Amino acid sequence: MLFVVSPDELEEHELTDELRKLAATEDRHVLVCREGGHPSWPERIWSFLRRKPIEAVTVLADTEPTIQVGEEITVRVTETELTAVYEATGTITHQ
């Protein structure tokens, strides 16, 4: 987890209007994560050398505020009409 925005903080962050609307419709948290989880140091170096950044993805989730920055989570998602933005469809497990 790179960053967590709670529903009451949506206006305080630089989110696109479309993302803000999607999150606000059901009072969902905005979770910004690394795609594929936390990369190892070799993966980070390899990514840098290939000049292919590790992608960030955004997950909209109905969740309790117990998820912390730096935690690794597992969740099933569905795509939204926005690029790299997904909606959580199941429970979120912490690791």
N, C-alpha and C. Protein backbone atom coordinates (compact mmCIF):
# COMPACT_ATOMS: atom_id res chain seq x y z
N MET A 1 0.85 -1.17 0.00
CA MET A 1 0.00 0.00 0.00
C MET A 1 0.89 1.23 0.00
N LEU A 2 0.68 2.09 -0.97
CA LEU A 2 1.47 3.32 -1.04
C LEU A 2 0.78 4.49 -0.35
N PHE A 3 -0.55 4.53 -0.49
CA PHE A 3 -1.26 5.68 0.03
C PHE A 3 -2.73 5.33 0.24
N VAL A 4 -3.35 5.87 1.28
CA VAL A 4 -4.76 5.63 1.57
C VAL A 4 -5.45 6.98 1.73
N VAL A 5 -6.56 7.17 1.01
CA VAL A 5 -7.36 8.39 1.14
C VAL A 5 -8.74 7.97 1.64
N SER A 6 -9.11 8.45 2.80
CA SER A 6 -10.43 8.12 3.35
C SER A 6 -11.51 8.96 2.67
N PRO A 7 -12.76 8.54 2.75
CA PRO A 7 -13.85 9.27 2.08
C PRO A 7 -13.96 10.74 2.50
N ASP A 8 -13.66 11.05 3.75
CA ASP A 8 -13.79 12.43 4.19
C ASP A 8 -12.59 13.30 3.79
N GLU A 9 -11.56 12.70 3.17
CA GLU A 9 -10.39 13.46 2.73
C GLU A 9 -10.30 13.61 1.21
N LEU A 10 -11.32 13.20 0.48
CA LEU A 10 -11.25 13.21 -0.99
C LEU A 10 -10.97 14.59 -1.56
N GLU A 11 -11.55 15.62 -0.98
CA GLU A 11 -11.37 16.98 -1.50
C GLU A 11 -9.99 17.55 -1.20
N GLU A 12 -9.28 16.96 -0.25
CA GLU A 12 -7.98 17.47 0.17
C GLU A 12 -6.83 16.98 -0.71
N HIS A 13 -7.09 16.03 -1.60
CA HIS A 13 -6.03 15.44 -2.42
C HIS A 13 -6.26 15.74 -3.89
N GLU A 14 -5.18 15.67 -4.65
CA GLU A 14 -5.24 15.95 -6.08
C GLU A 14 -5.71 14.72 -6.84
N LEU A 15 -7.00 14.50 -6.83
CA LEU A 15 -7.62 13.40 -7.56
C LEU A 15 -8.32 13.96 -8.79
N THR A 16 -8.43 13.14 -9.82
CA THR A 16 -9.19 13.59 -10.98
C THR A 16 -10.66 13.67 -10.59
N ASP A 17 -11.40 14.47 -11.31
CA ASP A 17 -12.83 14.61 -11.02
C ASP A 17 -13.55 13.27 -11.14
N GLU A 18 -13.19 12.48 -12.16
CA GLU A 18 -13.84 11.19 -12.37
C GLU A 18 -13.58 10.24 -11.20
N LEU A 19 -12.33 10.21 -10.73
CA LEU A 19 -11.98 9.34 -9.60
C LEU A 19 -12.68 9.81 -8.32
N ARG A 20 -12.73 11.10 -8.12
CA ARG A 20 -13.40 11.65 -6.93
C ARG A 20 -14.89 11.28 -6.94
N LYS A 21 -15.52 11.35 -8.12
CA LYS A 21 -16.94 11.00 -8.23
C LYS A 21 -17.17 9.52 -7.93
N LEU A 22 -16.32 8.66 -8.50
CA LEU A 22 -16.46 7.23 -8.26
C LEU A 22 -16.30 6.89 -6.77
N ALA A 23 -15.35 7.50 -6.13
CA ALA A 23 -15.10 7.22 -4.71
C ALA A 23 -16.21 7.79 -3.84
N ALA A 24 -16.73 8.94 -4.20
CA ALA A 24 -17.73 9.61 -3.37
C ALA A 24 -19.11 8.98 -3.46
N THR A 25 -19.40 8.26 -4.54
CA THR A 25 -20.74 7.70 -4.71
C THR A 25 -21.14 6.76 -3.59
N GLU A 26 -20.20 6.02 -3.06
CA GLU A 26 -20.52 5.06 -2.00
C GLU A 26 -19.60 5.23 -0.79
N ASP A 27 -19.02 6.40 -0.61
CA ASP A 27 -18.10 6.66 0.50
C ASP A 27 -17.01 5.60 0.59
N ARG A 28 -16.27 5.44 -0.49
CA ARG A 28 -15.22 4.43 -0.52
C ARG A 28 -13.85 5.05 -0.29
N HIS A 29 -12.95 4.25 0.23
CA HIS A 29 -11.55 4.65 0.40
C HIS A 29 -10.85 4.50 -0.95
N VAL A 30 -9.87 5.36 -1.19
CA VAL A 30 -9.02 5.26 -2.37
C VAL A 30 -7.70 4.67 -1.90
N LEU A 31 -7.37 3.49 -2.40
CA LEU A 31 -6.14 2.81 -2.04
C LEU A 31 -5.19 2.83 -3.23
N VAL A 32 -4.03 3.42 -3.07
CA VAL A 32 -3.04 3.46 -4.14
C VAL A 32 -2.00 2.39 -3.82
N CYS A 33 -1.85 1.43 -4.73
CA CYS A 33 -0.99 0.27 -4.48
C CYS A 33 -0.01 0.09 -5.64
N ARG A 34 1.02 -0.71 -5.38
CA ARG A 34 1.91 -1.14 -6.45
C ARG A 34 1.29 -2.37 -7.10
N GLU A 35 1.26 -2.40 -8.41
CA GLU A 35 0.73 -3.57 -9.10
C GLU A 35 1.67 -4.75 -8.84
N GLY A 36 1.11 -5.84 -8.37
CA GLY A 36 1.92 -7.03 -8.10
C GLY A 36 2.54 -7.06 -6.73
N GLY A 37 2.28 -6.07 -5.90
CA GLY A 37 2.80 -6.10 -4.53
C GLY A 37 4.13 -5.38 -4.37
N HIS A 38 4.78 -5.67 -3.26
CA HIS A 38 6.04 -5.01 -2.90
C HIS A 38 7.20 -5.66 -3.65
N PRO A 39 7.88 -4.92 -4.53
CA PRO A 39 8.98 -5.51 -5.29
C PRO A 39 10.24 -5.68 -4.43
N SER A 40 10.99 -6.71 -4.74
CA SER A 40 12.27 -6.93 -4.06
C SER A 40 13.30 -5.94 -4.62
N TRP A 41 14.43 -5.83 -3.94
CA TRP A 41 15.49 -4.94 -4.45
C TRP A 41 15.93 -5.33 -5.86
N PRO A 42 16.17 -6.63 -6.15
CA PRO A 42 16.53 -6.98 -7.54
C PRO A 42 15.47 -6.57 -8.55
N GLU A 43 14.18 -6.72 -8.17
CA GLU A 43 13.10 -6.30 -9.08
C GLU A 43 13.12 -4.80 -9.31
N ARG A 44 13.40 -4.05 -8.27
CA ARG A 44 13.48 -2.59 -8.41
C ARG A 44 14.64 -2.19 -9.32
N ILE A 45 15.79 -2.81 -9.13
CA ILE A 45 16.97 -2.50 -9.96
C ILE A 45 16.71 -2.88 -11.40
N TRP A 46 16.13 -4.09 -11.61
CA TRP A 46 15.82 -4.54 -12.96
C TRP A 46 14.83 -3.60 -13.64
N SER A 47 13.84 -3.15 -12.91
CA SER A 47 12.86 -2.21 -13.44
C SER A 47 13.53 -0.90 -13.84
N PHE A 48 14.44 -0.43 -13.00
CA PHE A 48 15.16 0.82 -13.30
C PHE A 48 16.03 0.66 -14.54
N LEU A 49 16.75 -0.45 -14.63
CA LEU A 49 17.64 -0.67 -15.78
C LEU A 49 16.86 -0.81 -17.08
N ARG A 50 15.69 -1.42 -17.02
CA ARG A 50 14.86 -1.56 -18.23
C ARG A 50 14.09 -0.29 -18.55
N ARG A 51 14.15 0.67 -17.63
CA ARG A 51 13.40 1.92 -17.77
C ARG A 51 11.90 1.65 -17.89
N LYS A 52 11.45 0.64 -17.16
CA LYS A 52 10.04 0.29 -17.10
C LYS A 52 9.60 0.40 -15.64
N PRO A 53 8.93 1.48 -15.30
CA PRO A 53 8.58 1.69 -13.89
C PRO A 53 7.58 0.66 -13.38
N ILE A 54 7.62 0.46 -12.09
CA ILE A 54 6.63 -0.39 -11.44
C ILE A 54 5.34 0.41 -11.39
N GLU A 55 4.29 -0.15 -11.95
CA GLU A 55 3.03 0.57 -12.10
C GLU A 55 2.25 0.67 -10.79
N ALA A 56 1.64 1.81 -10.61
CA ALA A 56 0.73 1.99 -9.48
C ALA A 56 -0.69 1.77 -9.97
N VAL A 57 -1.52 1.20 -9.12
CA VAL A 57 -2.93 1.01 -9.43
C VAL A 57 -3.75 1.59 -8.29
N THR A 58 -4.95 2.00 -8.61
CA THR A 58 -5.85 2.57 -7.62
C THR A 58 -7.02 1.63 -7.43
N VAL A 59 -7.32 1.34 -6.17
CA VAL A 59 -8.44 0.46 -5.83
C VAL A 59 -9.42 1.25 -4.97
N LEU A 60 -10.69 1.23 -5.36
CA LEU A 60 -11.74 1.85 -4.56
C LEU A 60 -12.36 0.75 -3.71
N ALA A 61 -12.38 0.97 -2.40
CA ALA A 61 -12.83 -0.10 -1.51
C ALA A 61 -13.65 0.42 -0.35
N ASP A 62 -14.66 -0.36 0.01
CA ASP A 62 -15.40 -0.12 1.25
C ASP A 62 -14.58 -0.85 2.31
N THR A 63 -13.87 -0.12 3.11
CA THR A 63 -12.97 -0.76 4.06
C THR A 63 -12.92 0.01 5.36
N GLU A 64 -12.50 -0.66 6.37
CA GLU A 64 -12.29 0.01 7.64
C GLU A 64 -10.92 0.70 7.60
N PRO A 65 -10.69 1.68 8.41
CA PRO A 65 -9.44 2.44 8.35
C PRO A 65 -8.24 1.72 8.96
N THR A 66 -8.25 0.39 9.00
CA THR A 66 -7.13 -0.33 9.59
C THR A 66 -6.01 -0.60 8.61
N ILE A 67 -6.23 -0.36 7.33
CA ILE A 67 -5.18 -0.56 6.35
C ILE A 67 -4.19 0.59 6.46
N GLN A 68 -2.93 0.24 6.59
CA GLN A 68 -1.88 1.23 6.78
C GLN A 68 -0.97 1.29 5.56
N VAL A 69 -0.35 2.43 5.36
CA VAL A 69 0.64 2.59 4.30
C VAL A 69 1.78 1.62 4.57
N GLY A 70 2.24 0.93 3.55
CA GLY A 70 3.32 -0.03 3.69
C GLY A 70 2.84 -1.47 3.83
N GLU A 71 1.55 -1.66 4.13
CA GLU A 71 1.00 -3.00 4.25
C GLU A 71 0.79 -3.62 2.88
N GLU A 72 0.84 -4.93 2.82
CA GLU A 72 0.53 -5.63 1.59
C GLU A 72 -0.87 -6.21 1.73
N ILE A 73 -1.68 -6.05 0.69
CA ILE A 73 -3.06 -6.54 0.73
C ILE A 73 -3.32 -7.45 -0.47
N THR A 74 -4.34 -8.27 -0.33
CA THR A 74 -4.82 -9.10 -1.42
C THR A 74 -6.31 -8.84 -1.56
N VAL A 75 -6.76 -8.59 -2.79
CA VAL A 75 -8.17 -8.28 -3.01
C VAL A 75 -8.56 -8.63 -4.45
N ARG A 76 -9.78 -9.10 -4.63
CA ARG A 76 -10.33 -9.30 -5.98
C ARG A 76 -10.89 -7.97 -6.45
N VAL A 77 -10.67 -7.65 -7.72
CA VAL A 77 -11.11 -6.36 -8.25
C VAL A 77 -11.82 -6.54 -9.59
N THR A 78 -12.58 -5.51 -9.95
CA THR A 78 -13.14 -5.40 -11.29
C THR A 78 -12.69 -4.07 -11.87
N GLU A 79 -12.56 -4.03 -13.18
CA GLU A 79 -12.12 -2.80 -13.84
C GLU A 79 -13.22 -1.76 -13.83
N THR A 80 -12.81 -0.51 -13.85
CA THR A 80 -13.74 0.60 -14.04
C THR A 80 -13.47 1.19 -15.41
N GLU A 81 -14.19 2.22 -15.75
CA GLU A 81 -13.96 2.87 -17.05
C GLU A 81 -12.68 3.71 -17.04
N LEU A 82 -12.09 3.93 -15.88
CA LEU A 82 -10.85 4.71 -15.77
C LEU A 82 -9.64 3.78 -15.84
N THR A 83 -8.60 4.22 -16.50
CA THR A 83 -7.38 3.44 -16.63
C THR A 83 -6.71 3.25 -15.28
N ALA A 84 -6.32 2.01 -14.98
CA ALA A 84 -5.60 1.64 -13.75
C ALA A 84 -6.39 1.93 -12.47
N VAL A 85 -7.73 2.00 -12.60
CA VAL A 85 -8.59 2.18 -11.42
C VAL A 85 -9.53 0.98 -11.36
N TYR A 86 -9.58 0.35 -10.19
CA TYR A 86 -10.36 -0.87 -10.00
C TYR A 86 -11.27 -0.73 -8.78
N GLU A 87 -12.33 -1.51 -8.75
CA GLU A 87 -13.21 -1.56 -7.59
C GLU A 87 -13.02 -2.90 -6.89
N ALA A 88 -12.85 -2.86 -5.58
CA ALA A 88 -12.72 -4.09 -4.81
C ALA A 88 -14.07 -4.80 -4.79
N THR A 89 -14.07 -6.11 -5.08
CA THR A 89 -15.32 -6.84 -5.13
C THR A 89 -15.44 -7.86 -4.00
N GLY A 90 -14.39 -8.07 -3.27
CA GLY A 90 -14.43 -9.02 -2.17
C GLY A 90 -13.79 -8.41 -0.93
N THR A 91 -13.51 -9.26 0.00
CA THR A 91 -12.88 -8.78 1.23
C THR A 91 -11.39 -8.56 0.99
N ILE A 92 -10.85 -7.64 1.73
CA ILE A 92 -9.43 -7.33 1.63
C ILE A 92 -8.71 -8.06 2.76
N THR A 93 -7.68 -8.81 2.38
CA THR A 93 -6.90 -9.50 3.41
C THR A 93 -5.56 -8.80 3.55
N HIS A 94 -5.13 -8.67 4.80
CA HIS A 94 -3.84 -8.03 5.11
C HIS A 94 -2.77 -9.13 5.20
N GLN A 95 -1.56 -8.78 4.81
CA GLN A 95 -0.46 -9.74 4.92
C GLN A 95 0.69 -9.14 5.66
